[in-house]
Protein backbone atom coordinates (compact mmCIF):
# COMPACT_ATOMS: atom_id res chain seq x y z
CA MET A 1 -0.25 -0.20 0.16
CA GLY A 2 1.42 3.04 -0.80
CA GLY A 3 1.78 6.21 1.85
CA LYS A 4 -0.09 9.18 1.61
CA GLY A 5 0.55 11.45 -1.36
CA SER A 6 2.38 8.61 -3.29
CA PRO A 7 1.82 7.63 -7.07
CA VAL A 8 0.55 4.30 -5.93
CA ARG A 9 -2.42 6.16 -3.03
CA THR A 10 -3.64 8.96 -6.14
CA ALA A 11 -4.12 5.92 -8.23
CA GLU A 12 -5.50 3.78 -5.11
CA LEU A 13 -7.75 6.93 -4.46
CA GLY A 14 -8.44 7.97 -8.78
CA VAL A 15 -10.16 4.16 -8.81
CA ALA A 16 -12.54 4.35 -6.06
CA GLU A 17 -13.59 7.74 -6.87
CA TRP A 18 -14.32 5.73 -10.48
CA ALA A 19 -16.03 3.03 -9.34
CA ALA A 20 -18.31 4.91 -7.10
CA GLN A 21 -19.61 6.78 -10.30
CA ASN A 22 -19.92 3.72 -11.78
CA HIS A 23 -21.94 1.39 -9.95
CA GLU A 24 -19.05 -0.17 -8.25
CA VAL A 25 -18.25 -1.36 -11.20
CA VAL A 26 -14.81 -1.55 -13.03
CA THR A 27 -12.66 -2.62 -15.78
CA SER A 28 -9.33 -4.40 -16.08
CA ARG A 29 -8.81 -1.33 -18.97
CA GLU A 30 -10.21 0.83 -16.80
CA LEU A 31 -7.85 0.37 -13.77
CA HIS A 32 -4.72 -0.26 -15.84
CA GLU A 33 -5.64 3.09 -18.02
CA ARG A 34 -5.68 4.83 -13.83
CA GLY A 35 -2.22 3.06 -13.28
CA ILE A 36 -2.81 -0.09 -11.24
CA SER A 37 -0.80 -3.04 -12.38
CA SER A 38 -1.63 -6.71 -13.32
CA ARG A 39 0.00 -8.02 -10.70
CA ARG A 40 -1.86 -5.31 -8.02
CA LEU A 41 -4.47 -6.01 -9.40
CA GLU A 42 -4.52 -9.84 -8.99
CA GLY A 43 -3.06 -8.80 -5.17
CA TRP A 44 -6.40 -6.54 -5.07
CA VAL A 45 -8.12 -9.78 -5.95
CA GLU A 46 -6.44 -11.94 -3.27
CA ALA A 47 -6.93 -9.52 -0.63
CA GLY A 48 -10.75 -9.04 -1.62
CA ARG A 49 -10.61 -5.83 -2.82
CA LEU A 50 -11.75 -7.28 -5.92
CA HIS A 51 -14.71 -9.01 -6.93
CA ARG A 52 -14.26 -10.91 -10.65
CA ILE A 53 -17.91 -10.72 -11.91
CA TYR A 54 -16.66 -11.75 -15.30
CA ARG A 55 -13.79 -11.93 -17.54
CA GLY A 56 -12.07 -8.02 -16.84
CA VAL A 57 -14.99 -6.85 -14.46
CA PHE A 58 -14.63 -6.27 -10.87
CA THR A 59 -16.44 -5.21 -8.77
CA VAL A 60 -14.83 -2.68 -5.60
CA GLY A 61 -15.27 -3.51 -1.83
CA ASN A 62 -18.97 -5.56 -1.17
CA PRO A 63 -18.56 -8.91 -3.71
CA HIS A 64 -22.83 -8.03 -3.67
CA LEU A 65 -23.74 -5.39 -6.42
CA THR A 66 -27.39 -3.21 -6.63
CA ARG A 67 -28.89 -4.13 -9.99
CA GLU A 68 -27.75 -1.33 -12.13
CA GLY A 69 -24.08 -2.62 -11.17
CA ARG A 70 -25.87 -5.76 -12.01
CA TRP A 71 -26.40 -4.76 -15.53
CA LEU A 72 -23.39 -2.46 -15.88
CA ALA A 73 -21.05 -5.50 -15.40
CA ALA A 74 -23.07 -7.33 -17.67
CA VAL A 75 -21.92 -3.96 -20.33
CA ARG A 76 -18.98 -3.73 -19.30
CA ALA A 77 -18.49 -7.46 -19.95
CA CYS A 78 -19.74 -7.48 -23.93
CA GLY A 79 -17.34 -4.81 -24.56
CA PRO A 80 -17.07 -0.95 -26.05
CA GLY A 81 -19.45 -0.41 -27.89
CA SER A 82 -21.29 -2.85 -26.29
CA MET A 83 -25.80 -1.86 -24.48
CA LEU A 84 -28.21 -2.76 -22.21
CA SER A 85 -30.82 -4.12 -24.65
CA HIS A 86 -34.53 -5.78 -25.09
CA LEU A 87 -36.15 -7.34 -21.35
CA SER A 88 -33.62 -6.00 -18.94
CA ALA A 89 -33.86 -2.20 -21.33
CA GLY A 90 -37.18 -2.53 -20.25
CA ALA A 91 -36.71 -3.28 -16.80
CA PHE A 92 -34.78 -0.42 -17.06
CA TRP A 93 -37.17 2.12 -18.01
CA SER A 94 -39.56 0.99 -16.17
CA LEU A 95 -41.51 -0.42 -19.14
CA LEU A 96 -41.70 -3.78 -17.48
CA LYS A 97 -41.92 -4.54 -14.15
CA ALA A 98 -39.73 -7.77 -13.94
CA ASP A 99 -36.17 -7.46 -13.29
CA PRO A 100 -34.96 -10.71 -15.90
CA VAL A 101 -31.68 -12.72 -14.13
CA VAL A 102 -30.73 -13.89 -17.86
CA ILE A 103 -29.34 -9.83 -18.84
CA ASP A 104 -29.98 -8.99 -21.95
CA VAL A 105 -27.34 -6.76 -23.73
CA THR A 106 -26.96 -5.48 -27.89
CA ALA A 107 -23.12 -6.10 -28.95
CA PRO A 108 -21.56 -4.17 -32.17
CA ARG A 109 -19.74 -7.39 -33.03
CA SER A 110 -19.46 -10.93 -31.80
CA ARG A 111 -18.86 -11.90 -28.30
CA ARG A 112 -17.84 -15.08 -26.70
CA PRO A 113 -20.98 -15.54 -24.38
CA ARG A 114 -20.90 -15.43 -20.56
CA GLU A 115 -22.65 -16.87 -18.10
CA CYS A 116 -26.30 -15.26 -17.27
CA ILE A 117 -26.06 -12.81 -20.04
CA ARG A 118 -28.26 -12.92 -23.39
CA LEU A 119 -26.62 -11.20 -26.17
CA HIS A 120 -28.20 -9.41 -29.15
CA ARG A 121 -26.38 -8.09 -32.00
CA PRO A 122 -28.81 -6.02 -35.10
CA GLN A 123 -28.11 -5.54 -38.13
CA ARG A 124 -27.38 -1.36 -36.89
CA LEU A 125 -27.85 0.42 -33.82
CA PRO A 126 -28.24 3.88 -35.39
CA PRO A 127 -26.25 6.95 -32.36
CA GLU A 128 -30.08 7.92 -32.20
CA GLU A 129 -31.34 5.19 -30.80
CA ARG A 130 -28.70 4.37 -27.82
CA ALA A 131 -28.30 6.51 -24.80
CA LEU A 132 -26.11 7.09 -21.21
CA HIS A 133 -28.63 7.11 -18.49
CA GLY A 134 -26.46 6.32 -14.97
CA ALA A 135 -23.89 5.79 -16.13
CA ILE A 136 -25.28 2.48 -18.23
CA PRO A 137 -25.12 2.82 -21.56
CA VAL A 138 -28.93 1.51 -22.77
CA THR A 139 -31.54 1.54 -26.01
CA THR A 140 -33.88 4.49 -26.18
CA PRO A 141 -37.45 4.04 -24.69
CA THR A 142 -38.70 3.44 -27.78
CA ARG A 143 -35.41 1.27 -29.55
CA THR A 144 -36.86 -0.24 -25.89
CA TRP A 145 -40.36 -1.04 -26.81
CA ILE A 146 -39.36 -1.93 -30.44
CA ASP A 147 -36.98 -4.13 -29.40
CA LEU A 148 -39.60 -6.04 -26.83
CA ALA A 149 -42.47 -6.80 -29.42
CA ALA A 150 -40.00 -9.41 -30.51
CA MET A 151 -40.09 -11.11 -27.35
CA VAL A 152 -43.06 -10.48 -24.84
CA SER A 153 -47.01 -11.15 -25.82
CA ASP A 154 -49.37 -8.18 -27.62
CA GLU A 155 -50.92 -7.84 -23.45
CA ARG A 156 -47.17 -7.16 -21.85
CA LEU A 157 -46.14 -5.01 -25.16
CA ARG A 158 -49.63 -2.58 -24.50
CA ARG A 159 -49.01 -2.00 -20.83
CA ALA A 160 -45.46 -1.58 -21.56
CA LEU A 161 -46.07 1.54 -23.68
CA SER A 162 -49.40 2.38 -20.86
CA GLU A 163 -46.53 3.02 -19.02
CA GLY A 164 -44.09 4.73 -21.13
CA GLU A 165 -46.72 7.03 -21.69
CA ARG A 166 -48.00 7.59 -18.66
CA THR A 167 -44.38 8.18 -17.68
CA GLY A 168 -43.85 10.65 -20.48
CA ILE A 169 -40.65 8.33 -22.02
CA LEU A 170 -43.45 6.74 -25.15
CA GLU A 171 -44.79 8.57 -27.04
CA PRO A 172 -47.10 6.42 -29.88
CA ARG A 173 -47.58 8.63 -32.96
CA SER A 174 -43.79 9.15 -32.45
CA LEU A 175 -43.12 5.67 -32.35
CA SER A 176 -45.40 4.50 -35.69
CA THR A 177 -43.17 7.22 -37.55
CA ALA A 178 -40.23 4.99 -35.81
CA LEU A 179 -41.34 1.51 -37.33
CA ILE A 180 -41.78 2.53 -41.16
CA SER A 181 -37.82 2.86 -41.07
CA ARG A 182 -37.26 -0.46 -39.90
CA PRO A 183 -38.59 -3.10 -42.42
CA GLY A 184 -37.91 -6.79 -42.10
CA VAL A 185 -37.01 -5.85 -38.01
CA PRO A 186 -38.05 -9.11 -35.79
CA GLY A 187 -41.12 -8.01 -33.63
CA LEU A 188 -42.83 -5.93 -36.50
CA ALA A 189 -46.16 -7.45 -36.93
CA ALA A 190 -46.67 -7.03 -33.18
CA ALA A 191 -45.48 -3.77 -32.72
CA ARG A 192 -47.70 -2.26 -35.44
CA ARG A 193 -50.60 -4.36 -34.07
CA VAL A 194 -50.20 -3.04 -30.63
CA LEU A 195 -50.03 0.01 -32.13
CA ALA A 196 -53.34 -0.12 -33.87
CA ALA A 197 -55.49 -1.14 -31.25
CA TYR A 198 -53.66 0.90 -28.88
CA ARG A 199 -56.07 4.08 -27.35
CA PRO A 200 -54.33 6.22 -25.43
CA ALA A 201 -55.24 7.23 -22.12
CA GLY A 202 -54.59 11.33 -22.97
CA GLY A 203 -56.03 13.64 -20.59
CA ILE A 204 -57.81 11.22 -18.49
CA HIS A 205 -56.71 11.00 -14.56
CA PHE A 206 -56.59 7.73 -12.56
CA ARG A 207 -57.46 7.27 -9.10
CA SER A 208 -55.38 4.36 -9.04
CA ASN A 209 -54.12 1.18 -10.95
CA LEU A 210 -57.17 -0.82 -11.00
CA GLU A 211 -58.79 1.75 -12.75
CA ARG A 212 -56.05 2.35 -15.29
CA ALA A 213 -55.70 -1.27 -16.17
CA PHE A 214 -59.26 -1.76 -16.91
CA TRP A 215 -59.74 1.33 -18.66
CA GLU A 216 -56.74 0.34 -21.20
CA ALA A 217 -58.13 -3.17 -21.71
CA TRP A 218 -62.21 -2.22 -22.18
CA MET A 219 -60.43 0.33 -24.42
CA ALA A 220 -58.41 -2.23 -26.90
CA ARG A 221 -60.98 -4.04 -27.21
CA GLY A 222 -62.30 -1.24 -29.39
CA LEU A 223 -65.83 -0.53 -27.29
CA GLU A 224 -67.75 2.58 -26.54
CA PRO A 225 -65.72 4.29 -24.10
CA PRO A 226 -67.25 5.11 -20.78
CA GLU A 227 -66.51 8.74 -18.43
CA VAL A 228 -64.00 7.96 -15.94
CA ASN A 229 -64.45 9.37 -12.03
CA ALA A 230 -67.37 10.88 -12.97
CA HIS A 231 -70.53 11.92 -10.66
CA VAL A 232 -74.01 10.55 -10.63
CA CYS A 233 -76.74 10.70 -7.78
CA GLY A 234 -74.35 12.89 -5.81
CA PHE A 235 -71.72 10.17 -5.98
CA GLU A 236 -68.12 9.70 -7.84
CA VAL A 237 -68.21 6.94 -9.52
CA ASP A 238 -64.79 4.84 -11.28
CA LEU A 239 -66.58 4.01 -14.48
CA ILE A 240 -70.31 5.59 -16.26
CA TRP A 241 -72.01 4.28 -19.36
CA ARG A 242 -74.11 7.08 -18.49
CA ARG A 243 -76.19 6.36 -21.79
CA ARG A 244 -76.64 3.16 -20.84
CA LYS A 245 -76.98 3.41 -17.13
CA LEU A 246 -73.68 1.33 -16.40
CA VAL A 247 -71.94 1.72 -13.66
CA VAL A 248 -68.52 -0.08 -13.05
CA GLU A 249 -66.94 0.19 -9.59
CA LEU A 250 -63.38 -0.79 -8.77
CA ASP A 251 -62.90 -2.20 -5.51
CA GLY A 252 -59.25 -1.81 -3.76
CA GLY A 253 -59.03 -3.62 -1.04
CA ARG A 254 -57.81 -0.66 1.24
CA TRP A 255 -60.76 1.04 1.08
CA HIS A 256 -63.28 -1.53 1.47
CA ARG A 257 -61.94 -3.38 4.71
CA THR A 258 -63.72 -2.70 7.47
CA GLY A 259 -68.02 -2.37 8.32
CA ALA A 260 -68.74 0.82 7.61
CA ASP A 261 -66.64 0.70 4.06
CA ARG A 262 -69.55 -2.19 3.09
CA GLU A 263 -72.69 -0.10 5.07
CA ARG A 264 -71.07 3.13 2.38
CA ASP A 265 -70.91 0.73 -1.13
CA GLY A 266 -74.51 -0.93 0.19
CA HIS A 267 -76.17 2.77 0.73
CA ARG A 268 -74.74 3.71 -3.06
CA GLY A 269 -75.64 1.09 -5.07
CA ARG A 270 -79.35 1.44 -3.77
CA ILE A 271 -79.39 4.59 -4.72
CA LEU A 272 -77.61 4.32 -7.96
CA ASP A 273 -80.17 0.73 -8.05
CA GLU A 274 -83.37 3.77 -7.46
CA ALA A 275 -82.43 5.37 -10.19
CA GLY A 276 -82.00 3.15 -12.59
CA HIS A 277 -78.51 2.43 -12.93
CA GLN A 278 -76.83 -1.01 -13.27
CA LEU A 279 -74.04 -0.83 -10.59
CA LEU A 280 -70.80 -4.05 -11.32
CA ARG A 281 -68.50 -4.40 -8.21
CA PHE A 282 -64.42 -6.00 -9.56
CA SER A 283 -62.47 -6.59 -6.62
CA ASP A 284 -58.28 -5.90 -6.76
CA ALA A 285 -58.08 -9.57 -6.57
CA GLU A 286 -60.44 -10.63 -8.97
CA ILE A 287 -59.03 -7.80 -11.47
CA ALA A 288 -55.68 -9.47 -10.63
CA ALA A 289 -56.80 -13.06 -11.65
CA ASP A 290 -58.59 -12.45 -14.41
CA LEU A 291 -59.65 -8.82 -15.64
CA GLN A 292 -60.47 -9.99 -19.57
CA THR A 293 -63.62 -11.74 -17.39
CA CYS A 294 -64.51 -8.90 -15.43
CA ILE A 295 -64.46 -6.92 -19.27
CA ALA A 296 -66.05 -9.74 -20.97
CA THR A 297 -68.96 -9.47 -18.07
CA THR A 298 -68.97 -5.22 -18.07
CA ALA A 299 -69.59 -5.42 -22.04
CA ALA A 300 -72.25 -8.11 -21.76
CA ALA A 301 -74.05 -5.59 -19.29
CA LEU A 302 -73.73 -3.20 -21.31
CA THR A 303 -74.76 -5.17 -24.57
CA ARG A 304 -78.25 -6.48 -22.51
CA ARG A 305 -78.63 -2.21 -21.35
CA ALA A 306 -78.94 -1.30 -25.25
């Protein structure tokens, strides 16, 4: 260990500072650039100061990386120009909820397979589809969504689009334009199919994820749109088809668990019934278990009330 102010100590501090800015991930190349010899590098590994994640890729100090650290280590392992992509980029941009164990990386040229890394080698990845966010090279949200089309179901792709629109990182019209310049790209048919059926939420204010999920699944079927969080009979209801006098309430357990809550719900139901409205209730458990059945039940009720 070098003394205070020595070249070795200065190099060590430079490594620590660099690692802190890069989720505690460093490569052998970056260590050499900061004055750390191969011999000293191996000494740090033996001493437990560095932990090898992949060949030539290390974490400093703690061997347990954060999610971001795992992503960056995988990208670094695939060489310069590589970036996080596909399912992993979907999780990075919060378009998907799941964080896959296998990490998707797009690499510009052939690399040897690495453990828990799925390599992708696209024909082209223009600069405008590359991003650097939080020190992690990653495909842009638009490119990520297009890549997802070849890997997930239409429903997951639609939910990813909805989430991207909600957070402001995806815009359906821009996606349509981006698809025009990609003939033959994997998943192109699925992407176009989902975009064609998608109905943006626009300025609708949803009070819960239940409302958004139900509304999006309903609109995906091309059915008559309801009013959301509208007033009728002195109450604010979740969804209403006013002309058909059909009301849907989506009951999250947090707001409908006590006796007082149930008494209030019963009172609302009686008032609506007296005014000629049909009231359907779906719990969060029912929606989570089988949203499409809830949609079908509502559609059948709407048809009957025609």
